[in-house]
Amino acid sequence: MSDDPVLWNLDARGVATVTLNRPQVNNAYNGAMIQGIHTAMDTLGAEAGLRVVVLKGNGKHFQAGADLTWINGARAGTPEDNLVVSRATATAVDRLNRLPVPVVALVQGGCFGGGTGIVSACDVVIAADNALFSITEVRWGLHASIIFPQLNDAIGVRQVRRYALTGERFGAEEARRIGLVHEVVPLADLAARGEKIVAALLENAPGALAKTKQHILEHAWGGFDAPTLDALIQSHSDQRQTAEAAEGLASFAEKRSARWTPK
């Protein structure tokens, strides 16, 4: 359905297009979008002819991170409820990272918080020249532990230490410089450049691509084991129910500075 939070289709070449579809909130993710990503991967993963996935955001922005109104609602639940939320989010990014086919992200406008983890989990990232990025969780009393492995792979620990601690915004050219995106193109050329990348990928052997990706991840931060993922999920879930998170999310809802911010 066109109003579903995640849309997908598969063309005759085996190229799937997955579209994040909550433009009214800048594609901020909530439980329904996370489940939609899982469903898309389940459905597309069952297609024998799948060769490439193209990931897009509908509207002006690619993905604005978590829907903080939804996050604030989730934090009021039990610790077990919060663990379910963190696990669903973490495993969506982890599954995207480990898909046995190449994933190409086309990024326009805002890409914040969890959105940076999503693009870090993709194999090729093309950004429009109007793209804007930030790893914002600490601003709201949260942390981004569940996407640090993918971010460390994409931009290196040194850059993660800066941008995950400051929460500052940076543009497309800086994202290219640090390795978060591969290319920056005019917004009008974004789809066409993505198509050229897809065409190049389709020239390559599917089995060799899958093995190449597997072996790359086995020697990367993103190739971590299940206990490591569990520990990241637990920490992510626990932080959401702290007093810091309560204050940070209240500051967002009330459009004010958090009380830990100097006047």
C-alpha atoms as a PDB file:
ATOM      1  CA  MET A   1       0.000   0.000   0.000  1.00  0.00           C
ATOM      2  CA  SER A   2       1.267   3.474  -0.856  1.00  0.00           C
ATOM      3  CA  ASP A   3       0.766   4.689   2.730  1.00  0.00           C
ATOM      4  CA  ASP A   4       2.791   1.857   4.288  1.00  0.00           C
ATOM      5  CA  PRO A   5       5.913   3.049   6.161  1.00  0.00           C
ATOM      6  CA  VAL A   6       8.170   0.977   3.900  1.00  0.00           C
ATOM      7  CA  LEU A   7       7.528   0.302   0.215  1.00  0.00           C
ATOM      8  CA  TRP A   8       9.376  -2.117  -2.029  1.00  0.00           C
ATOM      9  CA  ASN A   9       9.309  -3.561  -5.521  1.00  0.00           C
ATOM     10  CA  LEU A  10      11.494  -5.868  -7.602  1.00  0.00           C
ATOM     11  CA  ASP A  11      12.158  -5.310 -11.308  1.00  0.00           C
ATOM     12  CA  ALA A  12      12.936  -7.825 -14.041  1.00  0.00           C
ATOM     13  CA  ARG A  13      16.694  -7.400 -13.518  1.00  0.00           C
ATOM     14  CA  GLY A  14      16.470  -8.471  -9.891  1.00  0.00           C
ATOM     15  CA  VAL A  15      16.912  -4.914  -8.608  1.00  0.00           C
ATOM     16  CA  ALA A  16      14.760  -4.165  -5.554  1.00  0.00           C
ATOM     17  CA  THR A  17      13.883  -0.610  -4.587  1.00  0.00           C
ATOM     18  CA  VAL A  18      13.078  -0.152  -0.886  1.00  0.00           C
ATOM     19  CA  THR A  19      11.603   3.232   0.027  1.00  0.00           C
ATOM     20  CA  LEU A  20      11.248   4.653   3.538  1.00  0.00           C
ATOM     21  CA  ASN A  21       7.812   6.211   3.428  1.00  0.00           C
ATOM     22  CA  ARG A  22       6.968   8.516   6.338  1.00  0.00           C
ATOM     23  CA  PRO A  23       7.631  11.839   4.587  1.00  0.00           C
ATOM     24  CA  GLN A  24       5.256  13.708   6.893  1.00  0.00           C
ATOM     25  CA  VAL A  25       7.839  13.190   9.710  1.00  0.00           C
ATOM     26  CA  ASN A  26      10.935  13.257   7.474  1.00  0.00           C
ATOM     27  CA  ASN A  27      10.993   9.440   7.444  1.00  0.00           C
ATOM     28  CA  ALA A  28      11.737   9.236  11.171  1.00  0.00           C
ATOM     29  CA  TYR A  29      11.515   5.597  12.170  1.00  0.00           C
ATOM     30  CA  ASN A  30       9.011   4.092  14.565  1.00  0.00           C
ATOM     31  CA  GLY A  31       8.005   0.532  15.338  1.00  0.00           C
ATOM     32  CA  ALA A  32       5.975   0.208  12.144  1.00  0.00           C
ATOM     33  CA  MET A  33       8.852   1.369   9.954  1.00  0.00           C
ATOM     34  CA  ILE A  34      11.296  -0.985  11.659  1.00  0.00           C
ATOM     35  CA  GLN A  35       8.886  -3.872  11.143  1.00  0.00           C
ATOM     36  CA  GLY A  36       8.428  -2.765   7.539  1.00  0.00           C
ATOM     37  CA  ILE A  37      12.181  -2.977   6.963  1.00  0.00           C
ATOM     38  CA  HIS A  38      12.226  -6.495   8.419  1.00  0.00           C
ATOM     39  CA  THR A  39       9.254  -7.499   6.260  1.00  0.00           C
ATOM     40  CA  ALA A  40      10.883  -6.094   3.148  1.00  0.00           C
ATOM     41  CA  MET A  41      14.068  -8.062   3.833  1.00  0.00           C
ATOM     42  CA  ASP A  42      12.072 -11.230   4.559  1.00  0.00           C
ATOM     43  CA  THR A  43      10.084 -10.872   1.348  1.00  0.00           C
ATOM     44  CA  LEU A  44      12.970  -9.868  -0.893  1.00  0.00           C
ATOM     45  CA  GLY A  45      15.281 -12.447   0.665  1.00  0.00           C
ATOM     46  CA  ALA A  46      12.916 -15.160  -0.530  1.00  0.00           C
ATOM     47  CA  GLU A  47      13.298 -13.987  -4.144  1.00  0.00           C
ATOM     48  CA  ALA A  48      15.784 -16.233  -5.931  1.00  0.00           C
ATOM     49  CA  GLY A  49      16.531 -13.560  -8.526  1.00  0.00           C
ATOM     50  CA  LEU A  50      17.417 -10.737  -6.135  1.00  0.00           C
ATOM     51  CA  ARG A  51      20.657  -9.053  -7.278  1.00  0.00           C
ATOM     52  CA  VAL A  52      20.782  -5.525  -5.818  1.00  0.00           C
ATOM     53  CA  VAL A  53      18.833  -3.443  -3.282  1.00  0.00           C
ATOM     54  CA  VAL A  54      18.433   0.325  -3.723  1.00  0.00           C
ATOM     55  CA  LEU A  55      17.415   2.145  -0.542  1.00  0.00           C
ATOM     56  CA  LYS A  56      15.686   5.538  -0.753  1.00  0.00           C
ATOM     57  CA  GLY A  57      13.679   7.962   1.359  1.00  0.00           C
ATOM     58  CA  ASN A  58      10.411   9.437   0.136  1.00  0.00           C
ATOM     59  CA  GLY A  59      10.096  13.224   0.186  1.00  0.00           C
ATOM     60  CA  LYS A  60      12.648  15.922   0.983  1.00  0.00           C
ATOM     61  CA  HIS A  61      14.673  13.882   3.460  1.00  0.00           C
ATOM     62  CA  PHE A  62      16.263  10.451   3.505  1.00  0.00           C
ATOM     63  CA  GLN A  63      15.819   9.541   7.176  1.00  0.00           C
ATOM     64  CA  ALA A  64      15.617  11.730  10.265  1.00  0.00           C
ATOM     65  CA  GLY A  65      16.559   9.099  12.846  1.00  0.00           C
ATOM     66  CA  ALA A  66      14.142   7.921  15.508  1.00  0.00           C
ATOM     67  CA  ASP A  67      10.689   9.415  15.942  1.00  0.00           C
ATOM     68  CA  LEU A  68      11.345  10.875  19.390  1.00  0.00           C
ATOM     69  CA  THR A  69       7.653  10.993  20.267  1.00  0.00           C
ATOM     70  CA  TRP A  70       7.571   7.238  19.696  1.00  0.00           C
ATOM     71  CA  ILE A  71      10.828   6.780  21.637  1.00  0.00           C
ATOM     72  CA  ASN A  72       9.392   8.708  24.584  1.00  0.00           C
ATOM     73  CA  GLY A  73       6.360   6.447  24.558  1.00  0.00           C
ATOM     74  CA  ALA A  74       8.570   3.365  24.442  1.00  0.00           C
ATOM     75  CA  ARG A  75      10.657   4.468  27.418  1.00  0.00           C
ATOM     76  CA  ALA A  76       7.529   4.433  29.593  1.00  0.00           C
ATOM     77  CA  GLY A  77       7.255   0.672  29.098  1.00  0.00           C
ATOM     78  CA  THR A  78       8.967  -2.084  31.053  1.00  0.00           C
ATOM     79  CA  PRO A  79      12.675  -2.876  30.651  1.00  0.00           C
ATOM     80  CA  GLU A  80      11.596  -5.945  28.706  1.00  0.00           C
ATOM     81  CA  ASP A  81       9.474  -3.804  26.370  1.00  0.00           C
ATOM     82  CA  ASN A  82      12.413  -1.488  25.788  1.00  0.00           C
ATOM     83  CA  LEU A  83      14.709  -4.399  25.042  1.00  0.00           C
ATOM     84  CA  VAL A  84      12.284  -5.522  22.328  1.00  0.00           C
ATOM     85  CA  VAL A  85      12.390  -2.035  20.761  1.00  0.00           C
ATOM     86  CA  SER A  86      16.194  -1.891  20.790  1.00  0.00           C
ATOM     87  CA  ARG A  87      16.533  -5.422  19.445  1.00  0.00           C
ATOM     88  CA  ALA A  88      14.161  -4.812  16.544  1.00  0.00           C
ATOM     89  CA  THR A  89      16.060  -1.645  15.601  1.00  0.00           C
ATOM     90  CA  ALA A  90      19.516  -3.185  15.971  1.00  0.00           C
ATOM     91  CA  THR A  91      18.703  -6.322  14.028  1.00  0.00           C
ATOM     92  CA  ALA A  92      17.149  -4.321  11.178  1.00  0.00           C
ATOM     93  CA  VAL A  93      20.455  -2.476  10.656  1.00  0.00           C
ATOM     94  CA  ASP A  94      22.495  -5.640  11.231  1.00  0.00           C
ATOM     95  CA  ARG A  95      20.454  -7.585   8.682  1.00  0.00           C
ATOM     96  CA  LEU A  96      20.813  -4.784   6.161  1.00  0.00           C
ATOM     97  CA  ASN A  97      24.558  -4.811   6.768  1.00  0.00           C
ATOM     98  CA  ARG A  98      24.803  -8.563   6.167  1.00  0.00           C
ATOM     99  CA  LEU A  99      22.492  -8.921   3.152  1.00  0.00           C
ATOM    100  CA  PRO A 100      24.237 -11.193   0.622  1.00  0.00           C
ATOM    101  CA  VAL A 101      23.545  -8.716  -2.204  1.00  0.00           C
ATOM    102  CA  PRO A 102      24.916  -5.186  -2.685  1.00  0.00           C
ATOM    103  CA  VAL A 103      22.872  -2.389  -1.116  1.00  0.00           C
ATOM    104  CA  VAL A 104      22.997   1.098  -2.643  1.00  0.00           C
ATOM    105  CA  ALA A 105      21.693   4.075  -0.650  1.00  0.00           C
ATOM    106  CA  LEU A 106      20.560   7.307  -2.324  1.00  0.00           C
ATOM    107  CA  VAL A 107      20.557  10.094   0.268  1.00  0.00           C
ATOM    108  CA  GLN A 108      18.921  13.505   0.015  1.00  0.00           C
ATOM    109  CA  GLY A 109      18.213  16.085   2.706  1.00  0.00           C
ATOM    110  CA  GLY A 110      18.470  15.056   6.335  1.00  0.00           C
ATOM    111  CA  CYS A 111      20.127  11.831   7.467  1.00  0.00           C
ATOM    112  CA  PHE A 112      20.294  11.900  11.251  1.00  0.00           C
ATOM    113  CA  GLY A 113      20.846   9.506  14.141  1.00  0.00           C
ATOM    114  CA  GLY A 114      19.843   6.015  13.108  1.00  0.00           C
ATOM    115  CA  GLY A 115      19.837   7.169   9.484  1.00  0.00           C
ATOM    116  CA  THR A 116      23.626   7.385   9.649  1.00  0.00           C
ATOM    117  CA  GLY A 117      23.670   3.790  10.848  1.00  0.00           C
ATOM    118  CA  ILE A 118      21.455   2.752   7.959  1.00  0.00           C
ATOM    119  CA  VAL A 119      23.754   4.313   5.359  1.00  0.00           C
ATOM    120  CA  SER A 120      26.815   2.898   7.139  1.00  0.00           C
ATOM    121  CA  ALA A 121      25.277  -0.545   6.663  1.00  0.00           C
ATOM    122  CA  CYS A 122      24.969  -0.010   2.893  1.00  0.00           C
ATOM    123  CA  ASP A 123      27.697  -0.988   0.429  1.00  0.00           C
ATOM    124  CA  VAL A 124      27.553   2.099  -1.795  1.00  0.00           C
ATOM    125  CA  VAL A 125      26.203   5.486  -0.705  1.00  0.00           C
ATOM    126  CA  ILE A 126      25.506   8.338  -3.121  1.00  0.00           C
ATOM    127  CA  ALA A 127      24.508  11.646  -1.536  1.00  0.00           C
ATOM    128  CA  ALA A 128      22.836  14.657  -3.074  1.00  0.00           C
ATOM    129  CA  ASP A 129      24.618  17.938  -2.540  1.00  0.00           C
ATOM    130  CA  ASN A 130      21.862  19.035  -0.137  1.00  0.00           C
ATOM    131  CA  ALA A 131      22.389  16.081   2.223  1.00  0.00           C
ATOM    132  CA  LEU A 132      22.995  16.859   5.892  1.00  0.00           C
ATOM    133  CA  PHE A 133      24.174  14.377   8.530  1.00  0.00           C
ATOM    134  CA  SER A 134      24.501  14.053  12.301  1.00  0.00           C
ATOM    135  CA  ILE A 135      24.734  11.396  14.995  1.00  0.00           C
ATOM    136  CA  THR A 136      22.379  13.117  17.400  1.00  0.00           C
ATOM    137  CA  GLU A 137      21.479  10.640  20.156  1.00  0.00           C
ATOM    138  CA  VAL A 138      23.539  12.222  22.969  1.00  0.00           C
ATOM    139  CA  ARG A 139      21.620  15.467  22.532  1.00  0.00           C
ATOM    140  CA  TRP A 140      18.505  13.691  23.806  1.00  0.00           C
ATOM    141  CA  GLY A 141      20.158  11.723  26.621  1.00  0.00           C
ATOM    142  CA  LEU A 142      20.441   8.574  24.486  1.00  0.00           C
ATOM    143  CA  HIS A 143      23.324   6.825  22.749  1.00  0.00           C
ATOM    144  CA  ALA A 144      23.825   5.137  19.394  1.00  0.00           C
ATOM    145  CA  SER A 145      25.553   1.943  20.571  1.00  0.00           C
ATOM    146  CA  ILE A 146      23.657  -0.352  18.211  1.00  0.00           C
ATOM    147  CA  ILE A 147      25.031   1.393  15.101  1.00  0.00           C
ATOM    148  CA  PHE A 148      28.610   1.978  16.287  1.00  0.00           C
ATOM    149  CA  PRO A 149      29.960  -1.171  14.588  1.00  0.00           C
ATOM    150  CA  GLN A 150      28.639  -0.023  11.200  1.00  0.00           C
ATOM    151  CA  LEU A 151      29.749   3.577  11.781  1.00  0.00           C
ATOM    152  CA  ASN A 152      33.220   2.419  12.840  1.00  0.00           C
ATOM    153  CA  ASP A 153      33.455   0.456   9.578  1.00  0.00           C
ATOM    154  CA  ALA A 154      32.300   3.398   7.498  1.00  0.00           C
ATOM    155  CA  ILE A 155      34.166   6.382   8.948  1.00  0.00           C
ATOM    156  CA  GLY A 156      36.615   4.959  11.490  1.00  0.00           C
ATOM    157  CA  VAL A 157      36.742   5.249  15.245  1.00  0.00           C
ATOM    158  CA  ARG A 158      38.429   8.665  15.149  1.00  0.00           C
ATOM    159  CA  GLN A 159      35.542  10.284  13.251  1.00  0.00           C
ATOM    160  CA  VAL A 160      32.883   8.439  15.280  1.00  0.00           C
ATOM    161  CA  ARG A 161      34.491   9.787  18.452  1.00  0.00           C
ATOM    162  CA  ARG A 162      34.049  13.326  17.162  1.00  0.00           C
ATOM    163  CA  TYR A 163      30.621  13.203  15.605  1.00  0.00           C
ATOM    164  CA  ALA A 164      28.904  10.840  18.063  1.00  0.00           C
ATOM    165  CA  LEU A 165      30.151  12.949  20.985  1.00  0.00           C
ATOM    166  CA  THR A 166      29.444  16.422  19.582  1.00  0.00           C
ATOM    167  CA  GLY A 167      26.205  15.597  17.754  1.00  0.00           C
ATOM    168  CA  GLU A 168      27.136  18.374  15.323  1.00  0.00           C
ATOM    169  CA  ARG A 169      25.745  18.496  11.789  1.00  0.00           C
ATOM    170  CA  PHE A 170      27.933  18.136   8.723  1.00  0.00           C
ATOM    171  CA  GLY A 171      27.275  18.400   5.023  1.00  0.00           C
ATOM    172  CA  ALA A 172      27.613  16.074   2.079  1.00  0.00           C
ATOM    173  CA  GLU A 173      31.206  16.992   1.217  1.00  0.00           C
ATOM    174  CA  GLU A 174      32.368  16.370   4.778  1.00  0.00           C
ATOM    175  CA  ALA A 175      30.479  13.070   4.738  1.00  0.00           C
ATOM    176  CA  ARG A 176      32.370  12.150   1.569  1.00  0.00           C
ATOM    177  CA  ARG A 177      35.699  13.232   3.066  1.00  0.00           C
ATOM    178  CA  ILE A 178      35.311  11.024   6.135  1.00  0.00           C
ATOM    179  CA  GLY A 179      33.942   8.062   4.175  1.00  0.00           C
ATOM    180  CA  LEU A 180      30.279   8.014   5.158  1.00  0.00           C
ATOM    181  CA  VAL A 181      29.300   8.529   1.515  1.00  0.00           C
ATOM    182  CA  HIS A 182      31.185   7.600  -1.641  1.00  0.00           C
ATOM    183  CA  GLU A 183      30.035  10.337  -4.000  1.00  0.00           C
ATOM    184  CA  VAL A 184      28.218  13.669  -3.918  1.00  0.00           C
ATOM    185  CA  VAL A 185      26.111  14.692  -6.909  1.00  0.00           C
ATOM    186  CA  PRO A 186      23.551  17.388  -7.667  1.00  0.00           C
ATOM    187  CA  LEU A 187      20.129  16.463  -6.316  1.00  0.00           C
ATOM    188  CA  ALA A 188      18.720  16.258  -9.846  1.00  0.00           C
ATOM    189  CA  ASP A 189      21.343  13.634 -10.758  1.00  0.00           C
ATOM    190  CA  LEU A 190      20.910  11.392  -7.712  1.00  0.00           C
ATOM    191  CA  ALA A 191      18.684   8.730  -9.295  1.00  0.00           C
ATOM    192  CA  ALA A 192      20.700   8.617 -12.520  1.00  0.00           C
ATOM    193  CA  ARG A 193      23.998   8.159 -10.662  1.00  0.00           C
ATOM    194  CA  GLY A 194      22.431   5.428  -8.574  1.00  0.00           C
ATOM    195  CA  GLU A 195      21.345   3.666 -11.742  1.00  0.00           C
ATOM    196  CA  LYS A 196      24.918   3.715 -13.068  1.00  0.00           C
ATOM    197  CA  ILE A 197      26.150   2.076  -9.872  1.00  0.00           C
ATOM    198  CA  VAL A 198      23.418  -0.554 -10.140  1.00  0.00           C
ATOM    199  CA  ALA A 199      24.394  -1.261 -13.741  1.00  0.00           C
ATOM    200  CA  ALA A 200      28.017  -1.764 -12.698  1.00  0.00           C
ATOM    201  CA  LEU A 201      26.995  -4.153  -9.913  1.00  0.00           C
ATOM    202  CA  LEU A 202      24.851  -6.208 -12.299  1.00  0.00           C
ATOM    203  CA  GLU A 203      27.965  -6.864 -14.425  1.00  0.00           C
ATOM    204  CA  ASN A 204      29.459  -8.880 -11.573  1.00  0.00           C
ATOM    205  CA  ALA A 205      28.877 -12.508 -10.551  1.00  0.00           C
ATOM    206  CA  PRO A 206      26.209 -12.828  -7.812  1.00  0.00           C
ATOM    207  CA  GLY A 207      27.994 -15.600  -5.935  1.00  0.00           C
ATOM    208  CA  ALA A 208      31.303 -13.773  -6.019  1.00  0.00           C
ATOM    209  CA  LEU A 209      29.623 -10.593  -4.771  1.00  0.00           C
ATOM    210  CA  ALA A 210      28.026 -12.448  -1.853  1.00  0.00           C
ATOM    211  CA  LYS A 211      31.300 -14.104  -0.835  1.00  0.00           C
ATOM    212  CA  THR A 212      33.239 -10.866  -1.233  1.00  0.00           C
ATOM    213  CA  LYS A 213      30.827  -9.038   1.060  1.00  0.00           C
ATOM    214  CA  GLN A 214      30.855 -11.908   3.573  1.00  0.00           C
ATOM    215  CA  HIS A 215      34.642 -11.981   3.801  1.00  0.00           C
ATOM    216  CA  ILE A 216      34.933  -8.201   4.066  1.00  0.00           C
ATOM    217  CA  LEU A 217      32.538  -8.218   7.038  1.00  0.00           C
ATOM    218  CA  GLU A 218      34.359 -11.098   8.720  1.00  0.00           C
ATOM    219  CA  HIS A 219      37.348  -8.775   9.122  1.00  0.00           C
ATOM    220  CA  ALA A 220      35.423  -5.627  10.083  1.00  0.00           C
ATOM    221  CA  TRP A 221      33.727  -4.137  13.120  1.00  0.00           C
ATOM    222  CA  GLY A 222      30.380  -4.978  11.547  1.00  0.00           C
ATOM    223  CA  GLY A 223      31.116  -8.701  11.532  1.00  0.00           C
ATOM    224  CA  PHE A 224      30.575  -9.043  15.280  1.00  0.00           C
ATOM    225  CA  ASP A 225      29.042 -12.109  16.955  1.00  0.00           C
ATOM    226  CA  ALA A 226      25.673 -12.570  18.665  1.00  0.00           C
ATOM    227  CA  PRO A 227      26.854 -11.901  22.261  1.00  0.00           C
ATOM    228  CA  THR A 228      28.367  -8.577  21.157  1.00  0.00           C
ATOM    229  CA  LEU A 229      25.090  -7.588  19.512  1.00  0.00           C
ATOM    230  CA  ASP A 230      23.188  -8.590  22.661  1.00  0.00           C
ATOM    231  CA  ALA A 231      25.421  -6.389  24.838  1.00  0.00           C
ATOM    232  CA  LEU A 232      24.950  -3.382  22.552  1.00  0.00           C
ATOM    233  CA  ILE A 233      21.186  -3.894  22.517  1.00  0.00           C
ATOM    234  CA  GLN A 234      21.038  -4.141  26.328  1.00  0.00           C
ATOM    235  CA  SER A 235      22.992  -0.911  26.789  1.00  0.00           C
ATOM    236  CA  HIS A 236      20.873   0.879  24.177  1.00  0.00           C
ATOM    237  CA  SER A 237      17.680  -0.238  25.890  1.00  0.00           C
ATOM    238  CA  ASP A 238      18.883   0.631  29.398  1.00  0.00           C
ATOM    239  CA  GLN A 239      19.850   4.190  28.439  1.00  0.00           C
ATOM    240  CA  ARG A 240      16.353   4.940  27.172  1.00  0.00           C
ATOM    241  CA  GLN A 241      14.963   4.558  30.702  1.00  0.00           C
ATOM    242  CA  THR A 242      17.479   6.813  32.466  1.00  0.00           C
ATOM    243  CA  ALA A 243      16.762  10.235  33.956  1.00  0.00           C
ATOM    244  CA  GLU A 244      18.989  11.729  31.243  1.00  0.00           C
ATOM    245  CA  ALA A 245      16.783  10.297  28.519  1.00  0.00           C
ATOM    246  CA  ALA A 246      13.665  11.580  30.278  1.00  0.00           C
ATOM    247  CA  GLU A 247      15.115  15.103  30.380  1.00  0.00           C
ATOM    248  CA  GLY A 248      16.497  14.984  26.835  1.00  0.00           C
ATOM    249  CA  LEU A 249      13.233  13.822  25.329  1.00  0.00           C
ATOM    250  CA  ALA A 250      11.292  16.373  27.392  1.00  0.00           C
ATOM    251  CA  SER A 251      13.542  19.116  26.026  1.00  0.00           C
ATOM    252  CA  PHE A 252      12.761  17.971  22.490  1.00  0.00           C
ATOM    253  CA  ALA A 253       9.014  17.877  23.108  1.00  0.00           C
ATOM    254  CA  GLU A 254       9.039  21.266  24.843  1.00  0.00           C
ATOM    255  CA  LYS A 255      11.416  22.853  22.279  1.00  0.00           C
ATOM    256  CA  ARG A 256      13.892  24.012  24.916  1.00  0.00           C
ATOM    257  CA  SER A 257      17.486  23.370  25.889  1.00  0.00           C
ATOM    258  CA  ALA A 258      18.050  20.359  28.129  1.00  0.00           C
ATOM    259  CA  ARG A 259      18.772  21.269  31.743  1.00  0.00           C
ATOM    260  CA  TRP A 260      22.316  19.954  31.485  1.00  0.00           C
ATOM    261  CA  THR A 261      23.026  22.655  28.879  1.00  0.00           C
ATOM    262  CA  PRO A 262      24.652  25.825  30.280  1.00  0.00           C
ATOM    263  CA  LYS A 263      22.583  28.991  29.857  1.00  0.00           C
END
